[in-house]
């Protein structure tokens, strides 16, 4: 799954997005509420919050290696 903001994109692999434990952890650690869970426990990306990402890497630490990618959509 992928969500695009104007400046930031977030990609989460299919297996992690459908694992309720990983989804809950991502929702818990994100300081700007990019991640939420649907009624079945799967991950949802809160599109309106994606550009609020502060690049803290807490989601990267909370998920299995390579399961989450935070992409800058702008030149550094």
PDB file of N, CA and C in Angstrom:
ATOM      1  N   UNK A   1       0.839  -1.168   0.000  1.00  0.00           N
ATOM      2  CA  UNK A   1       0.000   0.000   0.000  1.00  0.00           C
ATOM      3  C   UNK A   1       0.880   1.224   0.000  1.00  0.00           C
ATOM      4  N   UNK A   2       0.386   2.277  -0.616  1.00  0.00           N
ATOM      5  CA  UNK A   2       1.163   3.510  -0.678  1.00  0.00           C
ATOM      6  C   UNK A   2       0.221   4.693  -0.534  1.00  0.00           C
ATOM      7  N   UNK A   3       0.683   5.668   0.198  1.00  0.00           N
ATOM      8  CA  UNK A   3      -0.022   6.933   0.312  1.00  0.00           C
ATOM      9  C   UNK A   3       0.922   8.041  -0.076  1.00  0.00           C
ATOM     10  N   UNK A   4       0.457   8.953  -0.909  1.00  0.00           N
ATOM     11  CA  UNK A   4       1.273  10.072  -1.360  1.00  0.00           C
ATOM     12  C   UNK A   4       0.716  11.386  -0.845  1.00  0.00           C
ATOM     13  N   UNK A   5       1.598  12.155  -0.259  1.00  0.00           N
ATOM     14  CA  UNK A   5       1.295  13.537   0.040  1.00  0.00           C
ATOM     15  C   UNK A   5       1.936  14.378  -1.045  1.00  0.00           C
ATOM     16  N   UNK A   6       2.063  15.647  -0.806  1.00  0.00           N
ATOM     17  CA  UNK A   6       2.724  16.522  -1.747  1.00  0.00           C
ATOM     18  C   UNK A   6       4.247  16.379  -1.648  1.00  0.00           C
ATOM     19  N   UNK A   7       4.742  16.195  -0.424  1.00  0.00           N
ATOM     20  CA  UNK A   7       6.176  16.144  -0.174  1.00  0.00           C
ATOM     21  C   UNK A   7       6.696  14.767   0.241  1.00  0.00           C
ATOM     22  N   UNK A   8       5.834  13.946   0.826  1.00  0.00           N
ATOM     23  CA  UNK A   8       6.215  12.663   1.411  1.00  0.00           C
ATOM     24  C   UNK A   8       5.302  11.565   0.864  1.00  0.00           C
ATOM     25  N   UNK A   9       5.867  10.383   0.668  1.00  0.00           N
ATOM     26  CA  UNK A   9       5.081   9.186   0.358  1.00  0.00           C
ATOM     27  C   UNK A   9       5.446   8.124   1.390  1.00  0.00           C
ATOM     28  N   UNK A  10       4.478   7.299   1.735  1.00  0.00           N
ATOM     29  CA  UNK A  10       4.697   6.200   2.667  1.00  0.00           C
ATOM     30  C   UNK A  10       4.270   4.916   1.970  1.00  0.00           C
ATOM     31  N   UNK A  11       5.162   3.929   1.981  1.00  0.00           N
ATOM     32  CA  UNK A  11       4.869   2.616   1.427  1.00  0.00           C
ATOM     33  C   UNK A  11       4.962   1.578   2.533  1.00  0.00           C
ATOM     34  N   UNK A  12       3.971   0.693   2.581  1.00  0.00           N
ATOM     35  CA  UNK A  12       3.959  -0.393   3.561  1.00  0.00           C
ATOM     36  C   UNK A  12       3.665  -1.671   2.779  1.00  0.00           C
ATOM     37  N   UNK A  13       4.505  -2.691   2.982  1.00  0.00           N
ATOM     38  CA  UNK A  13       4.282  -3.920   2.218  1.00  0.00           C
ATOM     39  C   UNK A  13       2.983  -4.598   2.661  1.00  0.00           C
ATOM     40  N   UNK A  14       2.463  -5.412   1.777  1.00  0.00           N
ATOM     41  CA  UNK A  14       1.144  -6.029   1.950  1.00  0.00           C
ATOM     42  C   UNK A  14       1.041  -6.834   3.249  1.00  0.00           C
ATOM     43  N   UNK A  15       2.032  -7.659   3.515  1.00  0.00           N
ATOM     44  CA  UNK A  15       1.975  -8.519   4.707  1.00  0.00           C
ATOM     45  C   UNK A  15       1.938  -7.687   5.988  1.00  0.00           C
ATOM     46  N   UNK A  16       2.769  -6.660   6.068  1.00  0.00           N
ATOM     47  CA  UNK A  16       2.793  -5.808   7.264  1.00  0.00           C
ATOM     48  C   UNK A  16       1.490  -5.030   7.404  1.00  0.00           C
ATOM     49  N   UNK A  17       0.953  -4.552   6.308  1.00  0.00           N
ATOM     50  CA  UNK A  17      -0.278  -3.773   6.346  1.00  0.00           C
ATOM     51  C   UNK A  17      -1.470  -4.594   6.826  1.00  0.00           C
ATOM     52  N   UNK A  18      -1.413  -5.897   6.627  1.00  0.00           N
ATOM     53  CA  UNK A  18      -2.526  -6.760   7.027  1.00  0.00           C
ATOM     54  C   UNK A  18      -2.267  -7.529   8.317  1.00  0.00           C
ATOM     55  N   UNK A  19      -1.184  -7.206   8.997  1.00  0.00           N
ATOM     56  CA  UNK A  19      -0.878  -7.814  10.296  1.00  0.00           C
ATOM     57  C   UNK A  19      -1.356  -6.861  11.391  1.00  0.00           C
ATOM     58  N   UNK A  20      -2.404  -7.249  12.138  1.00  0.00           N
ATOM     59  CA  UNK A  20      -2.957  -6.336  13.150  1.00  0.00           C
ATOM     60  C   UNK A  20      -1.948  -5.886  14.206  1.00  0.00           C
ATOM     61  N   UNK A  21      -1.008  -6.722  14.569  1.00  0.00           N
ATOM     62  CA  UNK A  21      -0.014  -6.338  15.584  1.00  0.00           C
ATOM     63  C   UNK A  21       0.918  -5.255  15.048  1.00  0.00           C
ATOM     64  N   UNK A  22       1.347  -5.399  13.813  1.00  0.00           N
ATOM     65  CA  UNK A  22       2.213  -4.382  13.207  1.00  0.00           C
ATOM     66  C   UNK A  22       1.431  -3.095  12.991  1.00  0.00           C
ATOM     67  N   UNK A  23       0.210  -3.207  12.503  1.00  0.00           N
ATOM     68  CA  UNK A  23      -0.624  -2.028  12.284  1.00  0.00           C
ATOM     69  C   UNK A  23      -0.838  -1.263  13.586  1.00  0.00           C
ATOM     70  N   UNK A  24      -1.095  -1.983  14.671  1.00  0.00           N
ATOM     71  CA  UNK A  24      -1.299  -1.329  15.975  1.00  0.00           C
ATOM     72  C   UNK A  24      -0.034  -0.620  16.442  1.00  0.00           C
ATOM     73  N   UNK A  25       1.106  -1.254  16.241  1.00  0.00           N
ATOM     74  CA  UNK A  25       2.369  -0.653  16.655  1.00  0.00           C
ATOM     75  C   UNK A  25       2.661   0.606  15.851  1.00  0.00           C
ATOM     76  N   UNK A  26       2.424   0.565  14.554  1.00  0.00           N
ATOM     77  CA  UNK A  26       2.645   1.751  13.723  1.00  0.00           C
ATOM     78  C   UNK A  26       1.733   2.898  14.142  1.00  0.00           C
ATOM     79  N   UNK A  27       0.478   2.585  14.408  1.00  0.00           N
ATOM     80  CA  UNK A  27      -0.464   3.617  14.854  1.00  0.00           C
ATOM     81  C   UNK A  27      -0.033   4.195  16.204  1.00  0.00           C
ATOM     82  N   UNK A  28       0.532   3.369  17.050  1.00  0.00           N
ATOM     83  CA  UNK A  28       0.965   3.808  18.379  1.00  0.00           C
ATOM     84  C   UNK A  28       2.181   4.727  18.326  1.00  0.00           C
ATOM     85  N   UNK A  29       3.160   4.407  17.487  1.00  0.00           N
ATOM     86  CA  UNK A  29       4.428   5.140  17.539  1.00  0.00           C
ATOM     87  C   UNK A  29       4.455   6.428  16.723  1.00  0.00           C
ATOM     88  N   UNK A  30       3.602   6.582  15.746  1.00  0.00           N
ATOM     89  CA  UNK A  30       3.661   7.751  14.863  1.00  0.00           C
ATOM     90  C   UNK A  30       3.193   9.011  15.590  1.00  0.00           C
ATOM     91  N   UNK A  31       4.069  10.000  15.718  1.00  0.00           N
ATOM     92  CA  UNK A  31       3.693  11.210  16.439  1.00  0.00           C
ATOM     93  C   UNK A  31       2.719  12.117  15.682  1.00  0.00           C
ATOM     94  N   UNK A  32       2.529  11.881  14.394  1.00  0.00           N
ATOM     95  CA  UNK A  32       1.631  12.735  13.613  1.00  0.00           C
ATOM     96  C   UNK A  32       0.453  11.959  13.013  1.00  0.00           C
ATOM     97  N   UNK A  33       0.204  10.765  13.528  1.00  0.00           N
ATOM     98  CA  UNK A  33      -0.990   9.976  13.188  1.00  0.00           C
ATOM     99  C   UNK A  33      -1.152   9.681  11.698  1.00  0.00           C
ATOM    100  N   UNK A  34      -0.067   9.256  11.083  1.00  0.00           N
ATOM    101  CA  UNK A  34      -0.137   8.833   9.683  1.00  0.00           C
ATOM    102  C   UNK A  34      -0.793   7.463   9.566  1.00  0.00           C
ATOM    103  N   UNK A  35      -0.654   6.638  10.598  1.00  0.00           N
ATOM    104  CA  UNK A  35      -1.150   5.265  10.572  1.00  0.00           C
ATOM    105  C   UNK A  35      -2.360   5.114  11.478  1.00  0.00           C
ATOM    106  N   UNK A  36      -3.326   4.314  11.027  1.00  0.00           N
ATOM    107  CA  UNK A  36      -4.511   3.971  11.811  1.00  0.00           C
ATOM    108  C   UNK A  36      -4.872   2.530  11.466  1.00  0.00           C
ATOM    109  N   UNK A  37      -5.836   1.978  12.177  1.00  0.00           N
ATOM    110  CA  UNK A  37      -6.323   0.633  11.887  1.00  0.00           C
ATOM    111  C   UNK A  37      -7.782   0.699  11.489  1.00  0.00           C
ATOM    112  N   UNK A  38      -8.157  -0.150  10.536  1.00  0.00           N
ATOM    113  CA  UNK A  38      -9.562  -0.249  10.174  1.00  0.00           C
ATOM    114  C   UNK A  38     -10.270  -1.183  11.147  1.00  0.00           C
ATOM    115  N   UNK A  39     -11.542  -1.404  10.957  1.00  0.00           N
ATOM    116  CA  UNK A  39     -12.341  -2.216  11.879  1.00  0.00           C
ATOM    117  C   UNK A  39     -11.832  -3.655  11.979  1.00  0.00           C
ATOM    118  N   UNK A  40     -11.177  -4.152  10.939  1.00  0.00           N
ATOM    119  CA  UNK A  40     -10.645  -5.513  10.952  1.00  0.00           C
ATOM    120  C   UNK A  40      -9.218  -5.606  11.476  1.00  0.00           C
ATOM    121  N   UNK A  41      -8.634  -4.480  11.836  1.00  0.00           N
ATOM    122  CA  UNK A  41      -7.283  -4.460  12.380  1.00  0.00           C
ATOM    123  C   UNK A  41      -6.190  -4.192  11.367  1.00  0.00           C
ATOM    124  N   UNK A  42      -6.543  -4.126  10.079  1.00  0.00           N
ATOM    125  CA  UNK A  42      -5.540  -3.853   9.049  1.00  0.00           C
ATOM    126  C   UNK A  42      -5.139  -2.379   9.087  1.00  0.00           C
ATOM    127  N   UNK A  43      -3.986  -2.108   8.534  1.00  0.00           N
ATOM    128  CA  UNK A  43      -3.449  -0.759   8.512  1.00  0.00           C
ATOM    129  C   UNK A  43      -4.192   0.116   7.523  1.00  0.00           C
ATOM    130  N   UNK A  44      -4.380   1.358   7.909  1.00  0.00           N
ATOM    131  CA  UNK A  44      -4.876   2.399   7.013  1.00  0.00           C
ATOM    132  C   UNK A  44      -3.890   3.547   7.074  1.00  0.00           C
ATOM    133  N   UNK A  45      -3.633   4.176   5.946  1.00  0.00           N
ATOM    134  CA  UNK A  45      -2.828   5.383   5.924  1.00  0.00           C
ATOM    135  C   UNK A  45      -3.774   6.573   5.958  1.00  0.00           C
ATOM    136  N   UNK A  46      -3.504   7.506   6.835  1.00  0.00           N
ATOM    137  CA  UNK A  46      -4.321   8.712   6.957  1.00  0.00           C
ATOM    138  C   UNK A  46      -3.714   9.742   5.999  1.00  0.00           C
ATOM    139  N   UNK A  47      -4.251   9.768   4.801  1.00  0.00           N
ATOM    140  CA  UNK A  47      -3.674  10.554   3.705  1.00  0.00           C
ATOM    141  C   UNK A  47      -3.468  12.024   4.082  1.00  0.00           C
ATOM    142  N   UNK A  48      -4.393  12.622   4.781  1.00  0.00           N
ATOM    143  CA  UNK A  48      -4.279  14.044   5.124  1.00  0.00           C
ATOM    144  C   UNK A  48      -3.110  14.334   6.057  1.00  0.00           C
ATOM    145  N   UNK A  49      -2.568  13.299   6.714  1.00  0.00           N
ATOM    146  CA  UNK A  49      -1.458  13.499   7.655  1.00  0.00           C
ATOM    147  C   UNK A  49      -0.088  13.147   7.080  1.00  0.00           C
ATOM    148  N   UNK A  50      -0.036  12.591   5.897  1.00  0.00           N
ATOM    149  CA  UNK A  50       1.235  12.101   5.369  1.00  0.00           C
ATOM    150  C   UNK A  50       2.278  13.213   5.269  1.00  0.00           C
ATOM    151  N   UNK A  51       1.895  14.378   4.797  1.00  0.00           N
ATOM    152  CA  UNK A  51       2.864  15.465   4.684  1.00  0.00           C
ATOM    153  C   UNK A  51       3.272  16.054   6.035  1.00  0.00           C
ATOM    154  N   UNK A  52       2.650  15.599   7.097  1.00  0.00           N
ATOM    155  CA  UNK A  52       3.056  16.037   8.443  1.00  0.00           C
ATOM    156  C   UNK A  52       4.241  15.225   8.962  1.00  0.00           C
ATOM    157  N   UNK A  53       4.671  14.221   8.213  1.00  0.00           N
ATOM    158  CA  UNK A  53       5.776  13.362   8.629  1.00  0.00           C
ATOM    159  C   UNK A  53       6.996  14.200   8.994  1.00  0.00           C
ATOM    160  N   UNK A  54       7.585  13.905  10.155  1.00  0.00           N
ATOM    161  CA  UNK A  54       8.771  14.627  10.630  1.00  0.00           C
ATOM    162  C   UNK A  54      10.040  13.804  10.425  1.00  0.00           C
ATOM    163  N   UNK A  55       9.928  12.719   9.666  1.00  0.00           N
ATOM    164  CA  UNK A  55      11.073  11.858   9.339  1.00  0.00           C
ATOM    165  C   UNK A  55      11.792  11.365  10.592  1.00  0.00           C
ATOM    166  N   UNK A  56      11.011  10.974  11.596  1.00  0.00           N
ATOM    167  CA  UNK A  56      11.575  10.526  12.879  1.00  0.00           C
ATOM    168  C   UNK A  56      12.052   9.076  12.839  1.00  0.00           C
ATOM    169  N   UNK A  57      11.613   8.297  11.860  1.00  0.00           N
ATOM    170  CA  UNK A  57      11.985   6.889  11.678  1.00  0.00           C
ATOM    171  C   UNK A  57      11.404   5.941  12.730  1.00  0.00           C
ATOM    172  N   UNK A  58      10.476   6.387  13.559  1.00  0.00           N
ATOM    173  CA  UNK A  58       9.868   5.496  14.549  1.00  0.00           C
ATOM    174  C   UNK A  58       9.093   4.366  13.869  1.00  0.00           C
ATOM    175  N   UNK A  59       8.458   4.652  12.745  1.00  0.00           N
ATOM    176  CA  UNK A  59       7.720   3.610  12.030  1.00  0.00           C
ATOM    177  C   UNK A  59       8.678   2.580  11.443  1.00  0.00           C
ATOM    178  N   UNK A  60       9.828   3.032  10.993  1.00  0.00           N
ATOM    179  CA  UNK A  60      10.819   2.105  10.445  1.00  0.00           C
ATOM    180  C   UNK A  60      11.342   1.169  11.524  1.00  0.00           C
ATOM    181  N   UNK A  61      11.509   1.687  12.729  1.00  0.00           N
ATOM    182  CA  UNK A  61      11.983   0.867  13.845  1.00  0.00           C
ATOM    183  C   UNK A  61      10.909  -0.085  14.353  1.00  0.00           C
ATOM    184  N   UNK A  62       9.638   0.295  14.226  1.00  0.00           N
ATOM    185  CA  UNK A  62       8.533  -0.511  14.756  1.00  0.00           C
ATOM    186  C   UNK A  62       8.140  -1.670  13.839  1.00  0.00           C
ATOM    187  N   UNK A  63       8.458  -1.567  12.578  1.00  0.00           N
ATOM    188  CA  UNK A  63       8.051  -2.573  11.597  1.00  0.00           C
ATOM    189  C   UNK A  63       9.231  -3.489  11.258  1.00  0.00           C
ATOM    190  N   UNK A  64       8.943  -4.677  10.733  1.00  0.00           N
ATOM    191  CA  UNK A  64      10.031  -5.542  10.263  1.00  0.00           C
ATOM    192  C   UNK A  64      10.878  -4.811   9.218  1.00  0.00           C
ATOM    193  N   UNK A  65      12.140  -5.149   9.155  1.00  0.00           N
ATOM    194  CA  UNK A  65      13.070  -4.498   8.232  1.00  0.00           C
ATOM    195  C   UNK A  65      12.526  -4.503   6.805  1.00  0.00           C
ATOM    196  N   UNK A  66      12.481  -3.338   6.208  1.00  0.00           N
ATOM    197  CA  UNK A  66      12.039  -3.197   4.828  1.00  0.00           C
ATOM    198  C   UNK A  66      10.546  -3.155   4.610  1.00  0.00           C
ATOM    199  N   UNK A  67       9.752  -3.299   5.665  1.00  0.00           N
ATOM    200  CA  UNK A  67       8.294  -3.337   5.514  1.00  0.00           C
ATOM    201  C   UNK A  67       7.693  -1.960   5.291  1.00  0.00           C
ATOM    202  N   UNK A  68       8.362  -0.927   5.806  1.00  0.00           N
ATOM    203  CA  UNK A  68       7.874   0.448   5.675  1.00  0.00           C
ATOM    204  C   UNK A  68       8.959   1.278   5.012  1.00  0.00           C
ATOM    205  N   UNK A  69       8.543   2.094   4.070  1.00  0.00           N
ATOM    206  CA  UNK A  69       9.460   3.053   3.433  1.00  0.00           C
ATOM    207  C   UNK A  69       8.834   4.430   3.481  1.00  0.00           C
ATOM    208  N   UNK A  70       9.612   5.408   3.874  1.00  0.00           N
ATOM    209  CA  UNK A  70       9.187   6.803   3.860  1.00  0.00           C
ATOM    210  C   UNK A  70      10.027   7.488   2.797  1.00  0.00           C
ATOM    211  N   UNK A  71       9.357   8.032   1.798  1.00  0.00           N
ATOM    212  CA  UNK A  71      10.038   8.603   0.638  1.00  0.00           C
ATOM    213  C   UNK A  71       9.845  10.113   0.580  1.00  0.00           C
ATOM    214  N   UNK A  72      10.907  10.822   0.345  1.00  0.00           N
ATOM    215  CA  UNK A  72      10.825  12.268   0.083  1.00  0.00           C
ATOM    216  C   UNK A  72      10.516  12.461  -1.395  1.00  0.00           C
ATOM    217  N   UNK A  73       9.501  13.216  -1.674  1.00  0.00           N
ATOM    218  CA  UNK A  73       9.099  13.456  -3.058  1.00  0.00           C
ATOM    219  C   UNK A  73       9.636  14.784  -3.583  1.00  0.00           C
ATOM    220  N   UNK A  74      10.634  15.292  -2.948  1.00  0.00           N
ATOM    221  CA  UNK A  74      11.223  16.582  -3.315  1.00  0.00           C
ATOM    222  C   UNK A  74      12.730  16.423  -3.367  1.00  0.00           C
ATOM    223  N   UNK A  75      13.384  17.322  -4.012  1.00  0.00           N
ATOM    224  CA  UNK A  75      14.846  17.318  -4.065  1.00  0.00           C
ATOM    225  C   UNK A  75      15.394  17.819  -2.744  1.00  0.00           C
ATOM    226  N   UNK A  76      16.461  17.175  -2.250  1.00  0.00           N
ATOM    227  CA  UNK A  76      17.051  17.605  -0.986  1.00  0.00           C
ATOM    228  C   UNK A  76      18.099  18.651  -1.207  1.00  0.00           C
TER     229      UNK A  76
END
